[in-house]
Structures are given as structure tokens and as C-alpha cells.
Amino acid sequence: MKGASARMEEAKRQMDRASALYIREFISKESLDAAVTAYKTNVANYKSSKARLAASYSRKNAAEAQLNTAESRLNAAWAAVRQSEANLAYNLARLSYATIKSPLSGTVVFRALEKGETVSPGTAVLTIVNLKNLYARIDLEETRIGDIKLNGPAAVMTEDIPGRVFKGKISEIGRYAGFATQRDVSRGRQDIKTFRVKVALEDPGGLLKPGMTVEVEIPERIQSGSGKQGG
């Protein structure tokens, strides 16, 4: 642009000089016309260069505007991504609150609530039993406690499965006496108390269920009890 301006100014000086010389009849009319034509040509070139420069600035401004628009859209897109990530984290957290995980493996034997019900902290939702670790719990009179020992044999029967005898062994003997099975109402004899005893059951077929009433036979004596989950 500066070069075109300089050439135009130089052409004007040459034209003015030619005009002065022509008036004094030092040059011909053709020489004057040539100087005028050269000046007009340089003026046209200057205007063309100026127009091209203006067009370049216009394209530059348009490109900068497009760049600013693209940056704004990119920032908006990143903001939307961050918002989506926050929403995802929030919903995953809420989903984790709705997912109940059991600390042990087993079989659900009771469901206290149905889908859609509200659960308060501390509310029992499911009862899970490890059916591979069942035991029978009996209260053995203190007069018999000396006849048994840990890992001693036992036989278990239930009316729910007639004719079937399940093997068992004594897995736990209570350390303290519990309630009395016979009370001394006449003060003529002592109360007979009981000890809590657990009998581990062998049930490879999975026939026994938690809560069944069973009979436990320990060396020629039969005691009543209830089937319970071990643990």
C-alpha cells in the first residue's frame, strides 16, 4: 500500500512538471498526455490496492468474529460437558443409595418391602440365609450337659420331611445357664435350668429350611428345638 501511494505521488509530480514544461512549450502535447495517463494509472492502482486492503481487513474481522463465535460455542460445550458430568455423578450417587448390598452370600428367604416403598435408615429389607450353614438350636437341661461334648454326633428329624434323619454334630455349647424348664413351686427342690446348644446340620440336598421345628437326638435322648441359620 505504501509503494502504491509513493508511485502515485511521484506520478503526480511528473504530471505537474510536464504541465509546466508544456505551458512553456518545452515538451510536446504527447509527452504531457503520457504523464497525465501515468498519473491516472497510478491513482487507479492506488485505489485498487486500498480496496484490496479494505477487503483483507474485512475478511480478517469476519474470521476473528467466527473465531470468537467458535470459542464461545466451545466454552458452552465444555460447560455442558461439565454439567453433564456433575449430573451423572449426582445420579450415580443417588443410584448407589438405591442399591442394597448384602455383606454375605446366601438365599433371600424373606422380603419385608416391595418395589417403590420408602425405606428408613435401620429398616430390615431382606432376610438372607446361608443355607449351606444351617444349625439346630436346642435348650438342653443342665442334668444332660455333662453327657455331651463339642463335635459329638447328633441326629435331626422333622415332621416336615417324614422318615428322613439328618446327621449333625454339636458345634457350640452355651457357657451360661439360661431359663429354668422346671420351677420349684414348693421350695422342695432346685430349679432345673438349661444351656443353649447348637447342632450343625448336614443337608447336601438343601431340604431343611430356616425356622423348621426339628427334633434333635443326642445319645438316646430327644430334645425339641428350631432350625436356625448358623453364624
Foldseek 3Di string as FASTA:
>chain_A
DVVLVVQLVVLVVLLVVVVVCVVVPNDDPVSNVVSVVSNVVSVVVVVVVVVVVVVVVVVVVVVVVVVVVVVVVVVVVVVVVVVVVVVVVVVVVVVVVVDDDDPDDFAWPDAPDDPPDDDDPPDDGTDGFHLQWKKWKFWAWPVCPVVADFQAKKWKFAPVDPPDIWIWTWHDKAPDWDAFPDPDPPPPDHTTTTIITIITTDDVPSPDDFFGWMWMGDPNDITTTGMHGDD
